[in-house]
Amino acid sequence: KNMVYLQMNSLKPEDTAVYHCGARTYDSTWYDTAPS
C-alpha cells in the first residue's frame, strides 16, 4: 500500500510536536537516523 505507520501509545505531554515522515535511499548507511 506504500504506507508507513506510527502507532503511538501512552502519550505524554512532551510528545507534543509536529510529526513528519521523511524518506531516503536505502543503502549501507541506513542505520544513520539523523534527520539530515
PDB file of all heavy atoms in Angstrom:
ATOM      1  N   LYS A   1       0.806  -1.213   0.000  1.00  0.00           N
ATOM      2  CA  LYS A   1       0.000   0.000   0.000  1.00  0.00           C
ATOM      3  C   LYS A   1       0.844   1.270   0.000  1.00  0.00           C
ATOM      4  O   LYS A   1       0.291   2.369  -0.010  1.00  0.00           O
ATOM      5  CB  LYS A   1      -0.931   0.014   1.210  1.00  0.00           C
ATOM      6  CG  LYS A   1      -1.963  -1.095   1.221  1.00  0.00           C
ATOM      7  CD  LYS A   1      -2.866  -0.985   2.437  1.00  0.00           C
ATOM      8  CE  LYS A   1      -3.925  -2.063   2.442  1.00  0.00           C
ATOM      9  NZ  LYS A   1      -4.805  -1.964   3.630  1.00  0.00           N
ATOM     10  N   ASN A   2       2.150   1.109   0.016  1.00  0.00           N
ATOM     11  CA  ASN A   2       3.055   2.260   0.098  1.00  0.00           C
ATOM     12  C   ASN A   2       2.712   3.155   1.289  1.00  0.00           C
ATOM     13  O   ASN A   2       2.627   4.379   1.172  1.00  0.00           O
ATOM     14  CB  ASN A   2       3.037   3.068  -1.199  1.00  0.00           C
ATOM     15  CG  ASN A   2       3.665   2.322  -2.361  1.00  0.00           C
ATOM     16  OD1 ASN A   2       4.640   1.604  -2.195  1.00  0.00           O
ATOM     17  ND2 ASN A   2       3.101   2.496  -3.544  1.00  0.00           N
ATOM     18  N   MET A   3       2.524   2.519   2.429  1.00  0.00           N
ATOM     19  CA  MET A   3       2.159   3.229   3.642  1.00  0.00           C
ATOM     20  C   MET A   3       3.116   2.881   4.772  1.00  0.00           C
ATOM     21  O   MET A   3       3.571   1.741   4.890  1.00  0.00           O
ATOM     22  CB  MET A   3       0.734   2.883   4.069  1.00  0.00           C
ATOM     23  CG  MET A   3      -0.344   3.292   3.079  1.00  0.00           C
ATOM     24  SD  MET A   3      -0.586   5.082   3.038  1.00  0.00           S
ATOM     25  CE  MET A   3      -1.351   5.359   4.639  1.00  0.00           C
ATOM     26  N   VAL A   4       3.402   3.856   5.586  1.00  0.00           N
ATOM     27  CA  VAL A   4       4.162   3.676   6.809  1.00  0.00           C
ATOM     28  C   VAL A   4       3.346   4.251   7.953  1.00  0.00           C
ATOM     29  O   VAL A   4       2.745   5.312   7.813  1.00  0.00           O
ATOM     30  CB  VAL A   4       5.547   4.347   6.722  1.00  0.00           C
ATOM     31  CG1 VAL A   4       6.302   4.204   8.038  1.00  0.00           C
ATOM     32  CG2 VAL A   4       6.366   3.738   5.592  1.00  0.00           C
ATOM     33  N   TYR A   5       3.350   3.553   9.081  1.00  0.00           N
ATOM     34  CA  TYR A   5       2.519   3.947  10.209  1.00  0.00           C
ATOM     35  C   TYR A   5       3.370   4.163  11.453  1.00  0.00           C
ATOM     36  O   TYR A   5       4.459   3.602  11.597  1.00  0.00           O
ATOM     37  CB  TYR A   5       1.475   2.874  10.505  1.00  0.00           C
ATOM     38  CG  TYR A   5       0.625   2.512   9.321  1.00  0.00           C
ATOM     39  CD1 TYR A   5       0.903   1.376   8.566  1.00  0.00           C
ATOM     40  CD2 TYR A   5      -0.455   3.302   8.950  1.00  0.00           C
ATOM     41  CE1 TYR A   5       0.127   1.041   7.469  1.00  0.00           C
ATOM     42  CE2 TYR A   5      -1.231   2.976   7.855  1.00  0.00           C
ATOM     43  CZ  TYR A   5      -0.941   1.843   7.122  1.00  0.00           C
ATOM     44  OH  TYR A   5      -1.718   1.517   6.034  1.00  0.00           O
ATOM     45  N   LEU A   6       2.851   4.965  12.342  1.00  0.00           N
ATOM     46  CA  LEU A   6       3.436   5.122  13.658  1.00  0.00           C
ATOM     47  C   LEU A   6       2.321   5.008  14.683  1.00  0.00           C
ATOM     48  O   LEU A   6       1.494   5.916  14.808  1.00  0.00           O
ATOM     49  CB  LEU A   6       4.148   6.475  13.807  1.00  0.00           C
ATOM     50  CG  LEU A   6       4.892   6.679  15.116  1.00  0.00           C
ATOM     51  CD1 LEU A   6       6.104   5.759  15.192  1.00  0.00           C
ATOM     52  CD2 LEU A   6       5.317   8.138  15.280  1.00  0.00           C
ATOM     53  N   GLN A   7       2.295   3.881  15.375  1.00  0.00           N
ATOM     54  CA  GLN A   7       1.332   3.684  16.445  1.00  0.00           C
ATOM     55  C   GLN A   7       1.918   4.264  17.720  1.00  0.00           C
ATOM     56  O   GLN A   7       2.980   3.836  18.165  1.00  0.00           O
ATOM     57  CB  GLN A   7       1.017   2.205  16.631  1.00  0.00           C
ATOM     58  CG  GLN A   7       0.042   1.906  17.758  1.00  0.00           C
ATOM     59  CD  GLN A   7      -1.338   2.457  17.505  1.00  0.00           C
ATOM     60  OE1 GLN A   7      -1.881   2.282  16.416  1.00  0.00           O
ATOM     61  NE2 GLN A   7      -1.909   3.132  18.490  1.00  0.00           N
ATOM     62  N   MET A   8       1.229   5.220  18.311  1.00  0.00           N
ATOM     63  CA  MET A   8       1.710   5.914  19.496  1.00  0.00           C
ATOM     64  C   MET A   8       0.777   5.611  20.655  1.00  0.00           C
ATOM     65  O   MET A   8      -0.410   5.938  20.604  1.00  0.00           O
ATOM     66  CB  MET A   8       1.787   7.422  19.257  1.00  0.00           C
ATOM     67  CG  MET A   8       2.641   7.805  18.055  1.00  0.00           C
ATOM     68  SD  MET A   8       2.859   9.594  17.902  1.00  0.00           S
ATOM     69  CE  MET A   8       1.171  10.085  17.562  1.00  0.00           C
ATOM     70  N   ASN A   9       1.317   4.991  21.686  1.00  0.00           N
ATOM     71  CA  ASN A   9       0.567   4.668  22.887  1.00  0.00           C
ATOM     72  C   ASN A   9       1.192   5.364  24.086  1.00  0.00           C
ATOM     73  O   ASN A   9       2.336   5.802  24.044  1.00  0.00           O
ATOM     74  CB  ASN A   9       0.546   3.151  23.114  1.00  0.00           C
ATOM     75  CG  ASN A   9      -0.107   2.392  21.993  1.00  0.00           C
ATOM     76  OD1 ASN A   9      -1.103   2.836  21.418  1.00  0.00           O
ATOM     77  ND2 ASN A   9       0.435   1.214  21.682  1.00  0.00           N
ATOM     78  N   SER A  10       0.434   5.435  25.157  1.00  0.00           N
ATOM     79  CA  SER A  10       0.914   6.051  26.400  1.00  0.00           C
ATOM     80  C   SER A  10       1.519   7.418  26.148  1.00  0.00           C
ATOM     81  O   SER A  10       2.609   7.746  26.619  1.00  0.00           O
ATOM     82  CB  SER A  10       1.931   5.127  27.080  1.00  0.00           C
ATOM     83  OG  SER A  10       1.365   3.866  27.372  1.00  0.00           O
ATOM     84  N   LEU A  11       0.804   8.231  25.413  1.00  0.00           N
ATOM     85  CA  LEU A  11       1.319   9.541  25.031  1.00  0.00           C
ATOM     86  C   LEU A  11       1.509  10.441  26.247  1.00  0.00           C
ATOM     87  O   LEU A  11       0.736  10.398  27.206  1.00  0.00           O
ATOM     88  CB  LEU A  11       0.380  10.197  24.031  1.00  0.00           C
ATOM     89  CG  LEU A  11       0.494   9.647  22.607  1.00  0.00           C
ATOM     90  CD1 LEU A  11      -0.729   9.998  21.789  1.00  0.00           C
ATOM     91  CD2 LEU A  11       1.758  10.189  21.938  1.00  0.00           C
ATOM     92  N   LYS A  12       2.548  11.252  26.166  1.00  0.00           N
ATOM     93  CA  LYS A  12       2.899  12.188  27.216  1.00  0.00           C
ATOM     94  C   LYS A  12       2.874  13.608  26.667  1.00  0.00           C
ATOM     95  O   LYS A  12       3.051  13.812  25.470  1.00  0.00           O
ATOM     96  CB  LYS A  12       4.306  11.883  27.745  1.00  0.00           C
ATOM     97  CG  LYS A  12       4.500  10.461  28.245  1.00  0.00           C
ATOM     98  CD  LYS A  12       5.954  10.220  28.621  1.00  0.00           C
ATOM     99  CE  LYS A  12       6.172   8.808  29.106  1.00  0.00           C
ATOM    100  NZ  LYS A  12       7.590   8.560  29.455  1.00  0.00           N
ATOM    101  N   PRO A  13       2.679  14.607  27.533  1.00  0.00           N
ATOM    102  CA  PRO A  13       2.703  15.990  27.046  1.00  0.00           C
ATOM    103  C   PRO A  13       3.972  16.341  26.281  1.00  0.00           C
ATOM    104  O   PRO A  13       3.912  17.124  25.325  1.00  0.00           O
ATOM    105  CB  PRO A  13       2.571  16.814  28.330  1.00  0.00           C
ATOM    106  CG  PRO A  13       1.790  15.932  29.241  1.00  0.00           C
ATOM    107  CD  PRO A  13       2.288  14.532  28.951  1.00  0.00           C
ATOM    108  N   GLU A  14       5.098  15.770  26.662  1.00  0.00           N
ATOM    109  CA  GLU A  14       6.344  16.058  25.970  1.00  0.00           C
ATOM    110  C   GLU A  14       6.412  15.459  24.568  1.00  0.00           C
ATOM    111  O   GLU A  14       7.354  15.738  23.820  1.00  0.00           O
ATOM    112  CB  GLU A  14       7.552  15.599  26.793  1.00  0.00           C
ATOM    113  CG  GLU A  14       7.485  14.156  27.245  1.00  0.00           C
ATOM    114  CD  GLU A  14       6.985  14.008  28.672  1.00  0.00           C
ATOM    115  OE1 GLU A  14       6.001  14.688  29.031  1.00  0.00           O
ATOM    116  OE2 GLU A  14       7.582  13.224  29.434  1.00  0.00           O
ATOM    117  N   ASP A  15       5.433  14.644  24.199  1.00  0.00           N
ATOM    118  CA  ASP A  15       5.344  14.140  22.835  1.00  0.00           C
ATOM    119  C   ASP A  15       4.717  15.158  21.891  1.00  0.00           C
ATOM    120  O   ASP A  15       4.681  14.934  20.674  1.00  0.00           O
ATOM    121  CB  ASP A  15       4.526  12.851  22.783  1.00  0.00           C
ATOM    122  CG  ASP A  15       5.189  11.701  23.526  1.00  0.00           C
ATOM    123  OD1 ASP A  15       6.421  11.542  23.416  1.00  0.00           O
ATOM    124  OD2 ASP A  15       4.465  10.948  24.212  1.00  0.00           O
ATOM    125  N   THR A  16       4.207  16.247  22.422  1.00  0.00           N
ATOM    126  CA  THR A  16       3.577  17.272  21.601  1.00  0.00           C
ATOM    127  C   THR A  16       4.579  17.838  20.601  1.00  0.00           C
ATOM    128  O   THR A  16       5.649  18.311  20.975  1.00  0.00           O
ATOM    129  CB  THR A  16       3.017  18.391  22.475  1.00  0.00           C
ATOM    130  OG1 THR A  16       1.969  17.872  23.305  1.00  0.00           O
ATOM    131  CG2 THR A  16       2.461  19.526  21.626  1.00  0.00           C
ATOM    132  N   ALA A  17       4.228  17.787  19.329  1.00  0.00           N
ATOM    133  CA  ALA A  17       5.117  18.241  18.267  1.00  0.00           C
ATOM    134  C   ALA A  17       4.407  18.092  16.935  1.00  0.00           C
ATOM    135  O   ALA A  17       3.345  17.473  16.843  1.00  0.00           O
ATOM    136  CB  ALA A  17       6.416  17.426  18.254  1.00  0.00           C
ATOM    137  N   VAL A  18       5.010  18.649  15.904  1.00  0.00           N
ATOM    138  CA  VAL A  18       4.617  18.334  14.541  1.00  0.00           C
ATOM    139  C   VAL A  18       5.400  17.096  14.127  1.00  0.00           C
ATOM    140  O   VAL A  18       6.632  17.076  14.209  1.00  0.00           O
ATOM    141  CB  VAL A  18       4.889  19.497  13.572  1.00  0.00           C
ATOM    142  CG1 VAL A  18       4.554  19.091  12.142  1.00  0.00           C
ATOM    143  CG2 VAL A  18       4.088  20.727  13.983  1.00  0.00           C
ATOM    144  N   TYR A  19       4.694  16.076  13.698  1.00  0.00           N
ATOM    145  CA  TYR A  19       5.317  14.828  13.298  1.00  0.00           C
ATOM    146  C   TYR A  19       5.418  14.773  11.779  1.00  0.00           C
ATOM    147  O   TYR A  19       4.417  14.928  11.072  1.00  0.00           O
ATOM    148  CB  TYR A  19       4.526  13.635  13.825  1.00  0.00           C
ATOM    149  CG  TYR A  19       4.765  13.387  15.290  1.00  0.00           C
ATOM    150  CD1 TYR A  19       4.270  14.267  16.253  1.00  0.00           C
ATOM    151  CD2 TYR A  19       5.506  12.284  15.722  1.00  0.00           C
ATOM    152  CE1 TYR A  19       4.511  14.062  17.602  1.00  0.00           C
ATOM    153  CE2 TYR A  19       5.741  12.071  17.066  1.00  0.00           C
ATOM    154  CZ  TYR A  19       5.243  12.957  18.002  1.00  0.00           C
ATOM    155  OH  TYR A  19       5.480  12.741  19.343  1.00  0.00           O
ATOM    156  N   HIS A  20       6.619  14.554  11.297  1.00  0.00           N
ATOM    157  CA  HIS A  20       6.902  14.474   9.867  1.00  0.00           C
ATOM    158  C   HIS A  20       7.372  13.081   9.508  1.00  0.00           C
ATOM    159  O   HIS A  20       8.086  12.443  10.278  1.00  0.00           O
ATOM    160  CB  HIS A  20       8.008  15.453   9.464  1.00  0.00           C
ATOM    161  CG  HIS A  20       7.696  16.893   9.695  1.00  0.00           C
ATOM    162  ND1 HIS A  20       7.224  17.707   8.684  1.00  0.00           N
ATOM    163  CD2 HIS A  20       7.807  17.670  10.797  1.00  0.00           C
ATOM    164  CE1 HIS A  20       7.061  18.931   9.171  1.00  0.00           C
ATOM    165  NE2 HIS A  20       7.406  18.939  10.445  1.00  0.00           N
ATOM    166  N   CYS A  21       7.005  12.625   8.323  1.00  0.00           N
ATOM    167  CA  CYS A  21       7.675  11.458   7.778  1.00  0.00           C
ATOM    168  C   CYS A  21       8.673  11.907   6.724  1.00  0.00           C
ATOM    169  O   CYS A  21       8.459  12.892   6.013  1.00  0.00           O
ATOM    170  CB  CYS A  21       6.696  10.421   7.214  1.00  0.00           C
ATOM    171  SG  CYS A  21       5.586  10.976   5.914  1.00  0.00           S
ATOM    172  N   GLY A  22       9.775  11.215   6.668  1.00  0.00           N
ATOM    173  CA  GLY A  22      10.824  11.503   5.707  1.00  0.00           C
ATOM    174  C   GLY A  22      11.267  10.235   5.019  1.00  0.00           C
ATOM    175  O   GLY A  22      11.069   9.135   5.531  1.00  0.00           O
ATOM    176  N   ALA A  23      11.884  10.379   3.861  1.00  0.00           N
ATOM    177  CA  ALA A  23      12.336   9.226   3.089  1.00  0.00           C
ATOM    178  C   ALA A  23      13.747   9.455   2.569  1.00  0.00           C
ATOM    179  O   ALA A  23      14.175  10.597   2.352  1.00  0.00           O
ATOM    180  CB  ALA A  23      11.382   8.937   1.939  1.00  0.00           C
ATOM    181  N   ARG A  24      14.437   8.355   2.359  1.00  0.00           N
ATOM    182  CA  ARG A  24      15.790   8.381   1.821  1.00  0.00           C
ATOM    183  C   ARG A  24      16.056   7.085   1.095  1.00  0.00           C
ATOM    184  O   ARG A  24      15.341   6.095   1.272  1.00  0.00           O
ATOM    185  CB  ARG A  24      16.821   8.566   2.936  1.00  0.00           C
ATOM    186  CG  ARG A  24      16.748   7.478   3.998  1.00  0.00           C
ATOM    187  CD  ARG A  24      17.956   7.474   4.909  1.00  0.00           C
ATOM    188  NE  ARG A  24      19.161   7.039   4.210  1.00  0.00           N
ATOM    189  CZ  ARG A  24      20.355   6.886   4.766  1.00  0.00           C
ATOM    190  NH1 ARG A  24      20.506   7.155   6.057  1.00  0.00           N
ATOM    191  NH2 ARG A  24      21.390   6.493   4.049  1.00  0.00           N
ATOM    192  N   THR A  25      17.100   7.059   0.291  1.00  0.00           N
ATOM    193  CA  THR A  25      17.528   5.834  -0.363  1.00  0.00           C
ATOM    194  C   THR A  25      18.040   4.845   0.673  1.00  0.00           C
ATOM    195  O   THR A  25      18.762   5.212   1.600  1.00  0.00           O
ATOM    196  CB  THR A  25      18.633   6.130  -1.387  1.00  0.00           C
ATOM    197  OG1 THR A  25      18.164   7.065  -2.348  1.00  0.00           O
ATOM    198  CG2 THR A  25      19.063   4.854  -2.101  1.00  0.00           C
ATOM    199  N   TYR A  26      17.652   3.591   0.519  1.00  0.00           N
ATOM    200  CA  TYR A  26      18.141   2.544   1.404  1.00  0.00           C
ATOM    201  C   TYR A  26      19.514   2.096   0.921  1.00  0.00           C
ATOM    202  O   TYR A  26      19.651   1.578  -0.188  1.00  0.00           O
ATOM    203  CB  TYR A  26      17.172   1.370   1.415  1.00  0.00           C
ATOM    204  CG  TYR A  26      17.649   0.189   2.214  1.00  0.00           C
ATOM    205  CD1 TYR A  26      17.885   0.301   3.577  1.00  0.00           C
ATOM    206  CD2 TYR A  26      17.858  -1.049   1.611  1.00  0.00           C
ATOM    207  CE1 TYR A  26      18.325  -0.785   4.323  1.00  0.00           C
ATOM    208  CE2 TYR A  26      18.291  -2.135   2.351  1.00  0.00           C
ATOM    209  CZ  TYR A  26      18.527  -2.000   3.707  1.00  0.00           C
ATOM    210  OH  TYR A  26      18.951  -3.079   4.435  1.00  0.00           O
ATOM    211  N   ASP A  27      20.523   2.302   1.750  1.00  0.00           N
ATOM    212  CA  ASP A  27      21.873   1.903   1.417  1.00  0.00           C
ATOM    213  C   ASP A  27      22.587   1.441   2.678  1.00  0.00           C
ATOM    214  O   ASP A  27      21.958   1.212   3.707  1.00  0.00           O
ATOM    215  CB  ASP A  27      22.622   3.038   0.704  1.00  0.00           C
ATOM    216  CG  ASP A  27      22.701   4.318   1.519  1.00  0.00           C
ATOM    217  OD1 ASP A  27      22.751   4.253   2.764  1.00  0.00           O
ATOM    218  OD2 ASP A  27      22.711   5.404   0.903  1.00  0.00           O
ATOM    219  N   SER A  28      23.907   1.339   2.613  1.00  0.00           N
ATOM    220  CA  SER A  28      24.663   0.795   3.735  1.00  0.00           C
ATOM    221  C   SER A  28      24.677   1.707   4.956  1.00  0.00           C
ATOM    222  O   SER A  28      25.087   1.271   6.034  1.00  0.00           O
ATOM    223  CB  SER A  28      26.102   0.495   3.304  1.00  0.00           C
ATOM    224  OG  SER A  28      26.767   1.670   2.879  1.00  0.00           O
ATOM    225  N   THR A  29      24.249   2.939   4.817  1.00  0.00           N
ATOM    226  CA  THR A  29      24.187   3.864   5.947  1.00  0.00           C
ATOM    227  C   THR A  29      22.782   3.984   6.514  1.00  0.00           C
ATOM    228  O   THR A  29      22.477   4.961   7.207  1.00  0.00           O
ATOM    229  CB  THR A  29      24.708   5.257   5.551  1.00  0.00           C
ATOM    230  OG1 THR A  29      23.793   5.887   4.648  1.00  0.00           O
ATOM    231  CG2 THR A  29      26.079   5.154   4.908  1.00  0.00           C
ATOM    232  N   TRP A  30      21.935   2.994   6.271  1.00  0.00           N
ATOM    233  CA  TRP A  30      20.542   3.052   6.680  1.00  0.00           C
ATOM    234  C   TRP A  30      20.359   3.291   8.158  1.00  0.00           C
ATOM    235  O   TRP A  30      19.345   3.846   8.591  1.00  0.00           O
ATOM    236  CB  TRP A  30      19.817   1.766   6.280  1.00  0.00           C
ATOM    237  CG  TRP A  30      20.271   0.571   7.069  1.00  0.00           C
ATOM    238  CD1 TRP A  30      21.281  -0.289   6.755  1.00  0.00           C
ATOM    239  CD2 TRP A  30      19.733   0.122   8.315  1.00  0.00           C
ATOM    240  NE1 TRP A  30      21.404  -1.252   7.725  1.00  0.00           N
ATOM    241  CE2 TRP A  30      20.462  -1.026   8.696  1.00  0.00           C
ATOM    242  CE3 TRP A  30      18.700   0.562   9.139  1.00  0.00           C
ATOM    243  CZ2 TRP A  30      20.198  -1.729   9.867  1.00  0.00           C
ATOM    244  CZ3 TRP A  30      18.434  -0.136  10.313  1.00  0.00           C
ATOM    245  CH2 TRP A  30      19.180  -1.265  10.658  1.00  0.00           C
ATOM    246  N   TYR A  31      21.328   2.870   8.962  1.00  0.00           N
ATOM    247  CA  TYR A  31      21.251   2.961  10.419  1.00  0.00           C
ATOM    248  C   TYR A  31      21.478   4.367  10.950  1.00  0.00           C
ATOM    249  O   TYR A  31      21.292   4.620  12.138  1.00  0.00           O
ATOM    250  CB  TYR A  31      22.275   2.013  11.042  1.00  0.00           C
ATOM    251  CG  TYR A  31      23.667   2.210  10.495  1.00  0.00           C
ATOM    252  CD1 TYR A  31      24.498   3.194  10.994  1.00  0.00           C
ATOM    253  CD2 TYR A  31      24.130   1.419   9.438  1.00  0.00           C
ATOM    254  CE1 TYR A  31      25.765   3.394  10.467  1.00  0.00           C
ATOM    255  CE2 TYR A  31      25.399   1.611   8.907  1.00  0.00           C
ATOM    256  CZ  TYR A  31      26.208   2.601   9.424  1.00  0.00           C
ATOM    257  OH  TYR A  31      27.463   2.797   8.903  1.00  0.00           O
ATOM    258  N   ASP A  32      21.912   5.279  10.091  1.00  0.00           N
ATOM    259  CA  ASP A  32      22.115   6.668  10.493  1.00  0.00           C
ATOM    260  C   ASP A  32      20.753   7.355  10.560  1.00  0.00           C
ATOM    261  O   ASP A  32      20.105   7.573   9.535  1.00  0.00           O
ATOM    262  CB  ASP A  32      23.028   7.369   9.490  1.00  0.00           C
ATOM    263  CG  ASP A  32      23.438   8.762   9.925  1.00  0.00           C
ATOM    264  OD1 ASP A  32      22.792   9.333  10.834  1.00  0.00           O
ATOM    265  OD2 ASP A  32      24.408   9.289   9.353  1.00  0.00           O
ATOM    266  N   THR A  33      20.320   7.691  11.752  1.00  0.00           N
ATOM    267  CA  THR A  33      18.982   8.223  11.962  1.00  0.00           C
ATOM    268  C   THR A  33      18.909   9.749  11.936  1.00  0.00           C
ATOM    269  O   THR A  33      17.857  10.320  12.233  1.00  0.00           O
ATOM    270  CB  THR A  33      18.409   7.721  13.294  1.00  0.00           C
ATOM    271  OG1 THR A  33      19.259   8.150  14.369  1.00  0.00           O
ATOM    272  CG2 THR A  33      18.323   6.196  13.300  1.00  0.00           C
ATOM    273  N   ALA A  34      19.982  10.409  11.596  1.00  0.00           N
ATOM    274  CA  ALA A  34      19.989  11.871  11.569  1.00  0.00           C
ATOM    275  C   ALA A  34      18.964  12.390  10.573  1.00  0.00           C
ATOM    276  O   ALA A  34      18.895  11.916   9.435  1.00  0.00           O
ATOM    277  CB  ALA A  34      21.376  12.384  11.207  1.00  0.00           C
ATOM    278  N   PRO A  35      18.167  13.376  10.980  1.00  0.00           N
ATOM    279  CA  PRO A  35      17.180  13.939  10.037  1.00  0.00           C
ATOM    280  C   PRO A  35      17.800  14.442   8.739  1.00  0.00           C
ATOM    281  O   PRO A  35      17.146  14.403   7.693  1.00  0.00           O
ATOM    282  CB  PRO A  35      16.551  15.092  10.836  1.00  0.00           C
ATOM    283  CG  PRO A  35      16.716  14.677  12.267  1.00  0.00           C
ATOM    284  CD  PRO A  35      18.039  13.959  12.314  1.00  0.00           C
ATOM    285  N   SER A  36      19.048  14.887   8.796  1.00  0.00           N
ATOM    286  CA  SER A  36      19.708  15.414   7.607  1.00  0.00           C
ATOM    287  C   SER A  36      19.899  14.370   6.526  1.00  0.00           C
ATOM    288  O   SER A  36      20.112  14.717   5.366  1.00  0.00           O
ATOM    289  CB  SER A  36      21.054  16.036   7.978  1.00  0.00           C
ATOM    290  OG  SER A  36      21.928  15.070   8.532  1.00  0.00           O
TER     291      SER A  36
END
